[in-house]
Amino acid sequence: MFLGKVQVLWNNRVSSSYYKIGLNCSEDLSAAMPGQFVMIRLTSGIMPLLRRPFSVHNVKDNKTNGKYIEILYDVVGEFTGRLSEIKAGEWLDIMGPLGKGFVLNKNYSKIFIVAGGIGVAPMFFLSSYLVEKQNVDSLSIKIFLGARTKECVLCRDDFFNYGLEIITATDDGSEGEPCFITNSVETALAQSRPEIIFACGPLGMLQSLAGIAQKYEVPCQVSMESLMACGIGACLGCALEGNDKNSYLHVCKDGPVFDSRDIKFG
């Protein structure tokens, strides 16, 4: 695990209130797996005092920038507002990679990847990893992107560049189907079932998807979001109820990726 300061390579607005920041990184940090996260703290000013969790969106190594990771984030409060003002060449305090990522199998022949809103952040890393590192045929992966509006549909071109089939749905019908993305998933499931579903997004979406996966008897792994103070299981602030009687799981240590059957939704 890496703990220290990293230099910002870029911090670009990509759509609406969404930004993508590139961070120079060490061997430890570049060893992140799809579904893992990092904890980031600003190095200037006093507040916010605590680090904030962010899914790893991408890990790359090229001649221009060397090893780096990318974080995709939405400006929703004070911390992300200040993060969006960070310039290339400045520094951030980072800890990671943390948590348990997606459990992967090289022999998948049909995969559904479902992302709602900013939940797309870890799902692009997952998709690129499957294609580049595990040699999964891009034709076997179907991407489902759900968002409030057209402007909130993220990473469409990035997925397209990997040759992946993409289905979109928006609440207002401005892009793709005018429905919840879970409706699109169930329609596709009724026609042809995948071997696995991977998902990240709002809690309501994951709850609905877990029910659909159970109905069609398809394994489903979900990446859960939670407020975190430490990221390593010390503060116990990210507890969620498990399906086993009187059991609790912690998003930072036991997840953030879980088998959907292990979570007590609702």
C-alpha atoms as a PDB file:
ATOM      1  CA  MET A   1       0.000   0.000   0.000  1.00  0.00           C
ATOM      2  CA  PHE A   2       1.191   3.504  -0.837  1.00  0.00           C
ATOM      3  CA  LEU A   3       0.907   6.413   1.606  1.00  0.00           C
ATOM      4  CA  GLY A   4       2.298   9.773   0.595  1.00  0.00           C
ATOM      5  CA  LYS A   5       2.103  12.680  -1.810  1.00  0.00           C
ATOM      6  CA  VAL A   6       1.567  12.366  -5.552  1.00  0.00           C
ATOM      7  CA  GLN A   7       1.750  15.020  -8.239  1.00  0.00           C
ATOM      8  CA  VAL A   8      -1.253  16.029 -10.314  1.00  0.00           C
ATOM      9  CA  LEU A   9      -0.718  15.512 -14.056  1.00  0.00           C
ATOM     10  CA  TRP A  10      -4.041  17.008 -15.166  1.00  0.00           C
ATOM     11  CA  ASN A  11      -7.444  17.860 -13.757  1.00  0.00           C
ATOM     12  CA  ASN A  12      -9.917  18.319 -16.589  1.00  0.00           C
ATOM     13  CA  ARG A  13     -13.638  18.931 -16.676  1.00  0.00           C
ATOM     14  CA  VAL A  14     -15.223  16.218 -18.818  1.00  0.00           C
ATOM     15  CA  SER A  15     -18.948  16.980 -18.613  1.00  0.00           C
ATOM     16  CA  SER A  16     -21.305  19.107 -16.560  1.00  0.00           C
ATOM     17  CA  SER A  17     -19.960  18.868 -12.981  1.00  0.00           C
ATOM     18  CA  TYR A  18     -17.695  15.878 -13.665  1.00  0.00           C
ATOM     19  CA  TYR A  19     -13.889  15.978 -13.661  1.00  0.00           C
ATOM     20  CA  LYS A  20     -11.080  13.531 -14.370  1.00  0.00           C
ATOM     21  CA  ILE A  21      -7.788  13.923 -12.513  1.00  0.00           C
ATOM     22  CA  GLY A  22      -4.538  12.159 -13.403  1.00  0.00           C
ATOM     23  CA  LEU A  23      -2.042  11.372 -10.636  1.00  0.00           C
ATOM     24  CA  ASN A  24       1.568  10.285 -11.001  1.00  0.00           C
ATOM     25  CA  CYS A  25       2.061   7.136  -8.960  1.00  0.00           C
ATOM     26  CA  SER A  26       4.422   4.526  -7.570  1.00  0.00           C
ATOM     27  CA  GLU A  27       4.578   0.776  -8.180  1.00  0.00           C
ATOM     28  CA  ASP A  28       2.362   0.148  -5.138  1.00  0.00           C
ATOM     29  CA  LEU A  29      -0.357   2.508  -6.305  1.00  0.00           C
ATOM     30  CA  SER A  30      -0.246   1.294  -9.906  1.00  0.00           C
ATOM     31  CA  ALA A  31      -0.914  -2.246  -8.645  1.00  0.00           C
ATOM     32  CA  ALA A  32      -4.564  -1.306  -7.998  1.00  0.00           C
ATOM     33  CA  MET A  33      -7.160  -3.809  -9.179  1.00  0.00           C
ATOM     34  CA  PRO A  34     -10.631  -3.009 -10.599  1.00  0.00           C
ATOM     35  CA  GLY A  35     -13.020  -2.133  -7.773  1.00  0.00           C
ATOM     36  CA  GLN A  36     -10.374  -0.913  -5.344  1.00  0.00           C
ATOM     37  CA  PHE A  37     -10.251   2.682  -4.132  1.00  0.00           C
ATOM     38  CA  VAL A  38      -7.914   5.334  -2.759  1.00  0.00           C
ATOM     39  CA  MET A  39      -8.288   7.865   0.040  1.00  0.00           C
ATOM     40  CA  ILE A  40      -7.337  11.426  -0.929  1.00  0.00           C
ATOM     41  CA  ARG A  41      -6.542  14.428   1.251  1.00  0.00           C
ATOM     42  CA  LEU A  42      -5.844  17.965   0.090  1.00  0.00           C
ATOM     43  CA  THR A  43      -2.376  19.247   0.929  1.00  0.00           C
ATOM     44  CA  SER A  44      -3.315  22.931   1.133  1.00  0.00           C
ATOM     45  CA  GLY A  45      -5.553  24.530   3.767  1.00  0.00           C
ATOM     46  CA  ILE A  46      -6.932  22.997   6.941  1.00  0.00           C
ATOM     47  CA  MET A  47     -10.417  21.782   5.994  1.00  0.00           C
ATOM     48  CA  PRO A  48     -11.657  19.237   5.099  1.00  0.00           C
ATOM     49  CA  LEU A  49      -9.423  17.440   7.591  1.00  0.00           C
ATOM     50  CA  LEU A  50     -10.210  13.830   6.661  1.00  0.00           C
ATOM     51  CA  ARG A  51      -9.431  11.970   3.464  1.00  0.00           C
ATOM     52  CA  ARG A  52     -12.222  11.094   1.046  1.00  0.00           C
ATOM     53  CA  PRO A  53     -12.643   7.788  -0.847  1.00  0.00           C
ATOM     54  CA  PHE A  54     -12.519   7.635  -4.656  1.00  0.00           C
ATOM     55  CA  SER A  55     -12.722   4.601  -6.927  1.00  0.00           C
ATOM     56  CA  VAL A  56      -9.744   3.986  -9.185  1.00  0.00           C
ATOM     57  CA  HIS A  57     -10.979   4.868 -12.671  1.00  0.00           C
ATOM     58  CA  ASN A  58      -7.929   3.852 -14.672  1.00  0.00           C
ATOM     59  CA  VAL A  59      -4.308   2.729 -14.323  1.00  0.00           C
ATOM     60  CA  LYS A  60      -1.872   3.444 -17.134  1.00  0.00           C
ATOM     61  CA  ASP A  61       1.818   3.423 -17.987  1.00  0.00           C
ATOM     62  CA  ASN A  62       3.078   5.300 -21.034  1.00  0.00           C
ATOM     63  CA  LYS A  63       6.184   7.103 -22.296  1.00  0.00           C
ATOM     64  CA  THR A  64       4.676  10.558 -21.853  1.00  0.00           C
ATOM     65  CA  ASN A  65       3.471  10.367 -18.229  1.00  0.00           C
ATOM     66  CA  GLY A  66       4.997   7.173 -16.855  1.00  0.00           C
ATOM     67  CA  LYS A  67       2.812   5.288 -14.365  1.00  0.00           C
ATOM     68  CA  TYR A  68      -0.366   7.103 -13.362  1.00  0.00           C
ATOM     69  CA  ILE A  69      -3.889   6.544 -12.104  1.00  0.00           C
ATOM     70  CA  GLU A  70      -7.026   8.452 -12.983  1.00  0.00           C
ATOM     71  CA  ILE A  71      -9.907   9.399 -10.713  1.00  0.00           C
ATOM     72  CA  LEU A  72     -13.311  10.370 -12.124  1.00  0.00           C
ATOM     73  CA  TYR A  73     -15.362  12.479  -9.723  1.00  0.00           C
ATOM     74  CA  ASP A  74     -18.462  14.636  -9.441  1.00  0.00           C
ATOM     75  CA  VAL A  75     -18.366  18.034  -7.746  1.00  0.00           C
ATOM     76  CA  VAL A  76     -20.980  17.612  -5.015  1.00  0.00           C
ATOM     77  CA  GLY A  77     -19.591  19.373  -1.936  1.00  0.00           C
ATOM     78  CA  GLU A  78     -16.753  21.348  -0.382  1.00  0.00           C
ATOM     79  CA  PHE A  79     -14.076  18.695  -0.826  1.00  0.00           C
ATOM     80  CA  THR A  80     -14.744  17.916  -4.487  1.00  0.00           C
ATOM     81  CA  GLY A  81     -15.274  21.617  -5.149  1.00  0.00           C
ATOM     82  CA  ARG A  82     -11.778  22.347  -3.893  1.00  0.00           C
ATOM     83  CA  LEU A  83     -10.426  19.277  -5.669  1.00  0.00           C
ATOM     84  CA  SER A  84     -11.732  20.639  -8.982  1.00  0.00           C
ATOM     85  CA  GLU A  85      -9.573  23.753  -8.477  1.00  0.00           C
ATOM     86  CA  ILE A  86      -6.324  21.787  -8.195  1.00  0.00           C
ATOM     87  CA  LYS A  87      -3.912  22.459 -11.077  1.00  0.00           C
ATOM     88  CA  ALA A  88      -1.354  20.281 -12.864  1.00  0.00           C
ATOM     89  CA  GLY A  89       1.908  20.260 -10.937  1.00  0.00           C
ATOM     90  CA  GLU A  90       0.259  20.530  -7.503  1.00  0.00           C
ATOM     91  CA  TRP A  91       0.270  17.707  -4.964  1.00  0.00           C
ATOM     92  CA  LEU A  92      -2.294  15.524  -3.205  1.00  0.00           C
ATOM     93  CA  ASP A  93      -1.929  13.233  -0.193  1.00  0.00           C
ATOM     94  CA  ILE A  94      -3.079   9.737  -1.133  1.00  0.00           C
ATOM     95  CA  MET A  95      -3.433   6.314   0.490  1.00  0.00           C
ATOM     96  CA  GLY A  96      -4.135   3.115  -1.416  1.00  0.00           C
ATOM     97  CA  PRO A  97      -5.027   0.963  -3.138  1.00  0.00           C
ATOM     98  CA  LEU A  98      -7.578  -0.145  -0.551  1.00  0.00           C
ATOM     99  CA  GLY A  99     -10.440  -2.614  -0.264  1.00  0.00           C
ATOM    100  CA  LYS A 100     -11.419  -5.737  -2.144  1.00  0.00           C
ATOM    101  CA  GLY A 101     -12.137  -5.427  -5.849  1.00  0.00           C
ATOM    102  CA  PHE A 102     -14.100  -7.519  -8.320  1.00  0.00           C
ATOM    103  CA  VAL A 103     -13.538 -11.280  -8.346  1.00  0.00           C
ATOM    104  CA  LEU A 104     -12.698 -12.096 -11.952  1.00  0.00           C
ATOM    105  CA  ASN A 105     -12.660 -15.210 -14.100  1.00  0.00           C
ATOM    106  CA  LYS A 106     -10.744 -15.387 -17.373  1.00  0.00           C
ATOM    107  CA  ASN A 107     -13.291 -17.725 -18.944  1.00  0.00           C
ATOM    108  CA  TYR A 108     -16.335 -15.444 -19.123  1.00  0.00           C
ATOM    109  CA  SER A 109     -18.145 -15.666 -22.439  1.00  0.00           C
ATOM    110  CA  LYS A 110     -20.913 -13.123 -21.669  1.00  0.00           C
ATOM    111  CA  ILE A 111     -20.703 -10.250 -19.182  1.00  0.00           C
ATOM    112  CA  PHE A 112     -23.075  -7.418 -18.250  1.00  0.00           C
ATOM    113  CA  ILE A 113     -21.463  -4.315 -16.744  1.00  0.00           C
ATOM    114  CA  VAL A 114     -23.959  -1.839 -15.271  1.00  0.00           C
ATOM    115  CA  ALA A 115     -23.139   1.717 -14.194  1.00  0.00           C
ATOM    116  CA  GLY A 116     -25.402   4.413 -12.813  1.00  0.00           C
ATOM    117  CA  GLY A 117     -24.158   8.019 -12.849  1.00  0.00           C
ATOM    118  CA  ILE A 118     -20.739   8.441 -11.255  1.00  0.00           C
ATOM    119  CA  GLY A 119     -20.853   4.687 -10.568  1.00  0.00           C
ATOM    120  CA  VAL A 120     -19.193   4.397 -13.971  1.00  0.00           C
ATOM    121  CA  ALA A 121     -15.870   5.362 -12.345  1.00  0.00           C
ATOM    122  CA  PRO A 122     -14.678   1.828 -11.385  1.00  0.00           C
ATOM    123  CA  MET A 123     -16.551   0.136 -14.238  1.00  0.00           C
ATOM    124  CA  PHE A 124     -14.374   1.567 -16.986  1.00  0.00           C
ATOM    125  CA  PHE A 125     -11.263   0.277 -15.210  1.00  0.00           C
ATOM    126  CA  LEU A 126     -12.961  -3.118 -14.917  1.00  0.00           C
ATOM    127  CA  SER A 127     -13.847  -3.192 -18.622  1.00  0.00           C
ATOM    128  CA  SER A 128     -10.396  -2.179 -19.830  1.00  0.00           C
ATOM    129  CA  TYR A 129      -8.761  -4.668 -17.447  1.00  0.00           C
ATOM    130  CA  LEU A 130     -10.903  -7.536 -18.727  1.00  0.00           C
ATOM    131  CA  VAL A 131      -9.996  -6.758 -22.330  1.00  0.00           C
ATOM    132  CA  GLU A 132      -6.331  -5.794 -21.897  1.00  0.00           C
ATOM    133  CA  LYS A 133      -5.159  -8.000 -19.015  1.00  0.00           C
ATOM    134  CA  GLN A 134      -7.439 -11.012 -19.166  1.00  0.00           C
ATOM    135  CA  ASN A 135      -7.946 -11.133 -22.934  1.00  0.00           C
ATOM    136  CA  VAL A 136     -11.725 -11.278 -22.651  1.00  0.00           C
ATOM    137  CA  ASP A 137     -13.332 -10.836 -26.071  1.00  0.00           C
ATOM    138  CA  SER A 138     -14.789  -7.317 -26.247  1.00  0.00           C
ATOM    139  CA  LEU A 139     -17.813  -8.756 -28.071  1.00  0.00           C
ATOM    140  CA  SER A 140     -18.719 -10.698 -24.915  1.00  0.00           C
ATOM    141  CA  ILE A 141     -19.085  -7.542 -22.797  1.00  0.00           C
ATOM    142  CA  LYS A 142     -22.246  -5.451 -22.790  1.00  0.00           C
ATOM    143  CA  ILE A 143     -22.186  -2.055 -21.075  1.00  0.00           C
ATOM    144  CA  PHE A 144     -25.300  -0.480 -19.519  1.00  0.00           C
ATOM    145  CA  LEU A 145     -24.997   3.235 -18.715  1.00  0.00           C
ATOM    146  CA  GLY A 146     -27.741   4.960 -16.746  1.00  0.00           C
ATOM    147  CA  ALA A 147     -27.939   8.650 -15.828  1.00  0.00           C
ATOM    148  CA  ARG A 148     -30.328  11.503 -15.091  1.00  0.00           C
ATOM    149  CA  THR A 149     -29.704  13.336 -18.378  1.00  0.00           C
ATOM    150  CA  LYS A 150     -27.620  13.100 -21.544  1.00  0.00           C
ATOM    151  CA  GLU A 151     -24.949  15.341 -19.998  1.00  0.00           C
ATOM    152  CA  CYS A 152     -24.536  12.852 -17.142  1.00  0.00           C
ATOM    153  CA  VAL A 153     -23.871   9.832 -19.378  1.00  0.00           C
ATOM    154  CA  LEU A 154     -20.134   9.357 -18.821  1.00  0.00           C
ATOM    155  CA  CYS A 155     -17.306   7.516 -20.601  1.00  0.00           C
ATOM    156  CA  ARG A 156     -19.422   6.486 -23.584  1.00  0.00           C
ATOM    157  CA  ASP A 157     -16.564   7.125 -26.036  1.00  0.00           C
ATOM    158  CA  ASP A 158     -14.044   5.370 -23.780  1.00  0.00           C
ATOM    159  CA  PHE A 159     -16.106   2.187 -23.788  1.00  0.00           C
ATOM    160  CA  PHE A 160     -16.730   2.539 -27.522  1.00  0.00           C
ATOM    161  CA  ASN A 161     -12.983   2.698 -28.193  1.00  0.00           C
ATOM    162  CA  TYR A 162     -12.695  -0.804 -26.726  1.00  0.00           C
ATOM    163  CA  GLY A 163     -15.325  -2.084 -29.140  1.00  0.00           C
ATOM    164  CA  LEU A 164     -17.898  -2.709 -26.409  1.00  0.00           C
ATOM    165  CA  GLU A 165     -21.645  -2.751 -27.003  1.00  0.00           C
ATOM    166  CA  ILE A 166     -23.263   0.117 -25.102  1.00  0.00           C
ATOM    167  CA  ILE A 167     -26.877   0.548 -23.995  1.00  0.00           C
ATOM    168  CA  THR A 168     -27.856   3.871 -22.425  1.00  0.00           C
ATOM    169  CA  ALA A 169     -30.918   5.016 -20.507  1.00  0.00           C
ATOM    170  CA  THR A 170     -31.761   8.394 -18.966  1.00  0.00           C
ATOM    171  CA  ASP A 171     -34.457   9.523 -16.569  1.00  0.00           C
ATOM    172  CA  ASP A 172     -35.584  12.301 -18.906  1.00  0.00           C
ATOM    173  CA  GLY A 173     -35.196  10.354 -22.164  1.00  0.00           C
ATOM    174  CA  SER A 174     -32.595  12.764 -23.570  1.00  0.00           C
ATOM    175  CA  GLU A 175     -30.224   9.857 -24.325  1.00  0.00           C
ATOM    176  CA  GLY A 176     -31.019   6.226 -25.039  1.00  0.00           C
ATOM    177  CA  GLU A 177     -34.096   4.604 -23.549  1.00  0.00           C
ATOM    178  CA  PRO A 178     -36.418   6.751 -21.355  1.00  0.00           C
ATOM    179  CA  CYS A 179     -36.302   4.442 -18.326  1.00  0.00           C
ATOM    180  CA  PHE A 180     -34.183   3.244 -15.442  1.00  0.00           C
ATOM    181  CA  ILE A 181     -31.119   1.339 -16.628  1.00  0.00           C
ATOM    182  CA  THR A 182     -32.278  -1.677 -14.613  1.00  0.00           C
ATOM    183  CA  ASN A 183     -35.263  -1.967 -16.982  1.00  0.00           C
ATOM    184  CA  SER A 184     -32.840  -2.210 -19.898  1.00  0.00           C
ATOM    185  CA  VAL A 185     -30.825  -4.834 -18.043  1.00  0.00           C
ATOM    186  CA  GLU A 186     -33.880  -6.989 -17.346  1.00  0.00           C
ATOM    187  CA  THR A 187     -35.009  -6.759 -20.966  1.00  0.00           C
ATOM    188  CA  ALA A 188     -31.579  -7.955 -22.098  1.00  0.00           C
ATOM    189  CA  LEU A 189     -31.534 -10.694 -19.449  1.00  0.00           C
ATOM    190  CA  ALA A 190     -34.856 -12.047 -20.652  1.00  0.00           C
ATOM    191  CA  GLN A 191     -33.350 -12.450 -24.121  1.00  0.00           C
ATOM    192  CA  SER A 192     -29.940 -13.854 -23.219  1.00  0.00           C
ATOM    193  CA  ARG A 193     -28.493 -14.414 -19.760  1.00  0.00           C
ATOM    194  CA  PRO A 194     -24.854 -13.506 -19.003  1.00  0.00           C
ATOM    195  CA  GLU A 195     -22.593 -15.527 -16.747  1.00  0.00           C
ATOM    196  CA  ILE A 196     -21.996 -12.565 -14.442  1.00  0.00           C
ATOM    197  CA  ILE A 197     -23.234  -9.041 -13.733  1.00  0.00           C
ATOM    198  CA  PHE A 198     -20.918  -6.353 -12.375  1.00  0.00           C
ATOM    199  CA  ALA A 199     -22.457  -3.103 -11.143  1.00  0.00           C
ATOM    200  CA  CYS A 200     -21.859   0.199  -9.405  1.00  0.00           C
ATOM    201  CA  GLY A 201     -24.291   3.058  -8.889  1.00  0.00           C
ATOM    202  CA  PRO A 202     -26.963   4.467  -6.564  1.00  0.00           C
ATOM    203  CA  LEU A 203     -28.226   2.207  -3.791  1.00  0.00           C
ATOM    204  CA  GLY A 204     -31.708   1.968  -5.326  1.00  0.00           C
ATOM    205  CA  MET A 205     -30.238   0.793  -8.626  1.00  0.00           C
ATOM    206  CA  LEU A 206     -28.118  -1.851  -6.919  1.00  0.00           C
ATOM    207  CA  GLN A 207     -31.067  -3.064  -4.848  1.00  0.00           C
ATOM    208  CA  SER A 208     -33.220  -3.423  -7.961  1.00  0.00           C
ATOM    209  CA  LEU A 209     -30.403  -5.128  -9.841  1.00  0.00           C
ATOM    210  CA  ALA A 210     -29.797  -7.577  -7.000  1.00  0.00           C
ATOM    211  CA  GLY A 211     -33.458  -8.605  -7.206  1.00  0.00           C
ATOM    212  CA  ILE A 212     -33.283  -9.014 -10.976  1.00  0.00           C
ATOM    213  CA  ALA A 213     -30.102 -11.093 -10.711  1.00  0.00           C
ATOM    214  CA  GLN A 214     -31.771 -13.339  -8.140  1.00  0.00           C
ATOM    215  CA  LYS A 215     -34.859 -13.703 -10.321  1.00  0.00           C
ATOM    216  CA  TYR A 216     -32.800 -14.842 -13.317  1.00  0.00           C
ATOM    217  CA  GLU A 217     -30.289 -16.785 -11.193  1.00  0.00           C
ATOM    218  CA  VAL A 218     -27.276 -14.823 -12.421  1.00  0.00           C
ATOM    219  CA  PRO A 219     -24.330 -14.078 -10.106  1.00  0.00           C
ATOM    220  CA  CYS A 220     -23.994 -10.365  -9.416  1.00  0.00           C
ATOM    221  CA  GLN A 221     -21.153  -8.382  -7.863  1.00  0.00           C
ATOM    222  CA  VAL A 222     -21.902  -4.842  -6.689  1.00  0.00           C
ATOM    223  CA  SER A 223     -19.542  -2.033  -5.734  1.00  0.00           C
ATOM    224  CA  MET A 224     -21.026  -0.194  -2.757  1.00  0.00           C
ATOM    225  CA  GLU A 225     -20.525   3.464  -1.846  1.00  0.00           C
ATOM    226  CA  SER A 226     -20.273   4.740   1.715  1.00  0.00           C
ATOM    227  CA  LEU A 227     -18.984   7.645   3.765  1.00  0.00           C
ATOM    228  CA  MET A 228     -15.586   6.702   5.175  1.00  0.00           C
ATOM    229  CA  ALA A 229     -13.324   8.316   7.743  1.00  0.00           C
ATOM    230  CA  CYS A 230     -10.327   5.979   7.624  1.00  0.00           C
ATOM    231  CA  GLY A 231     -10.641   3.551   4.688  1.00  0.00           C
ATOM    232  CA  ILE A 232      -8.957   0.681   6.557  1.00  0.00           C
ATOM    233  CA  GLY A 233     -11.628  -0.639   8.934  1.00  0.00           C
ATOM    234  CA  ALA A 234     -10.523   1.198  12.069  1.00  0.00           C
ATOM    235  CA  CYS A 235     -13.397   3.648  12.530  1.00  0.00           C
ATOM    236  CA  LEU A 236     -16.214   1.180  11.656  1.00  0.00           C
ATOM    237  CA  GLY A 237     -18.182   4.068  10.154  1.00  0.00           C
ATOM    238  CA  CYS A 238     -19.038   2.380   6.856  1.00  0.00           C
ATOM    239  CA  ALA A 239     -21.037  -0.553   8.219  1.00  0.00           C
ATOM    240  CA  LEU A 240     -23.899  -2.088   6.254  1.00  0.00           C
ATOM    241  CA  GLU A 241     -26.206  -4.931   7.153  1.00  0.00           C
ATOM    242  CA  GLY A 242     -25.400  -8.336   5.769  1.00  0.00           C
ATOM    243  CA  ASN A 243     -27.887 -11.052   4.877  1.00  0.00           C
ATOM    244  CA  ASP A 244     -26.630 -13.358   7.630  1.00  0.00           C
ATOM    245  CA  LYS A 245     -28.555 -12.820  10.853  1.00  0.00           C
ATOM    246  CA  ASN A 246     -27.095 -10.041  13.023  1.00  0.00           C
ATOM    247  CA  SER A 247     -24.111  -9.646  10.677  1.00  0.00           C
ATOM    248  CA  TYR A 248     -22.560  -6.376   9.557  1.00  0.00           C
ATOM    249  CA  LEU A 249     -20.071  -5.769   6.788  1.00  0.00           C
ATOM    250  CA  HIS A 250     -17.751  -2.829   6.335  1.00  0.00           C
ATOM    251  CA  VAL A 251     -17.454  -1.281   2.906  1.00  0.00           C
ATOM    252  CA  CYS A 252     -13.792  -0.290   3.240  1.00  0.00           C
ATOM    253  CA  LYS A 253     -12.497  -3.631   4.552  1.00  0.00           C
ATOM    254  CA  ASP A 254     -14.959  -6.311   3.411  1.00  0.00           C
ATOM    255  CA  GLY A 255     -15.693  -4.497   0.132  1.00  0.00           C
ATOM    256  CA  PRO A 256     -16.342  -2.188  -1.552  1.00  0.00           C
ATOM    257  CA  VAL A 257     -17.252  -5.034  -3.917  1.00  0.00           C
ATOM    258  CA  PHE A 258     -19.683  -7.646  -2.596  1.00  0.00           C
ATOM    259  CA  ASP A 259     -21.690 -10.544  -3.896  1.00  0.00           C
ATOM    260  CA  SER A 260     -25.171  -9.003  -4.097  1.00  0.00           C
ATOM    261  CA  ARG A 261     -26.575 -11.978  -2.146  1.00  0.00           C
ATOM    262  CA  ASP A 262     -24.479 -11.012   0.884  1.00  0.00           C
ATOM    263  CA  ILE A 263     -26.087  -7.567   1.269  1.00  0.00           C
ATOM    264  CA  LYS A 264     -29.391  -6.928   2.999  1.00  0.00           C
ATOM    265  CA  PHE A 265     -30.986  -4.276   0.806  1.00  0.00           C
ATOM    266  CA  GLY A 266     -33.931  -2.237   2.026  1.00  0.00           C
END
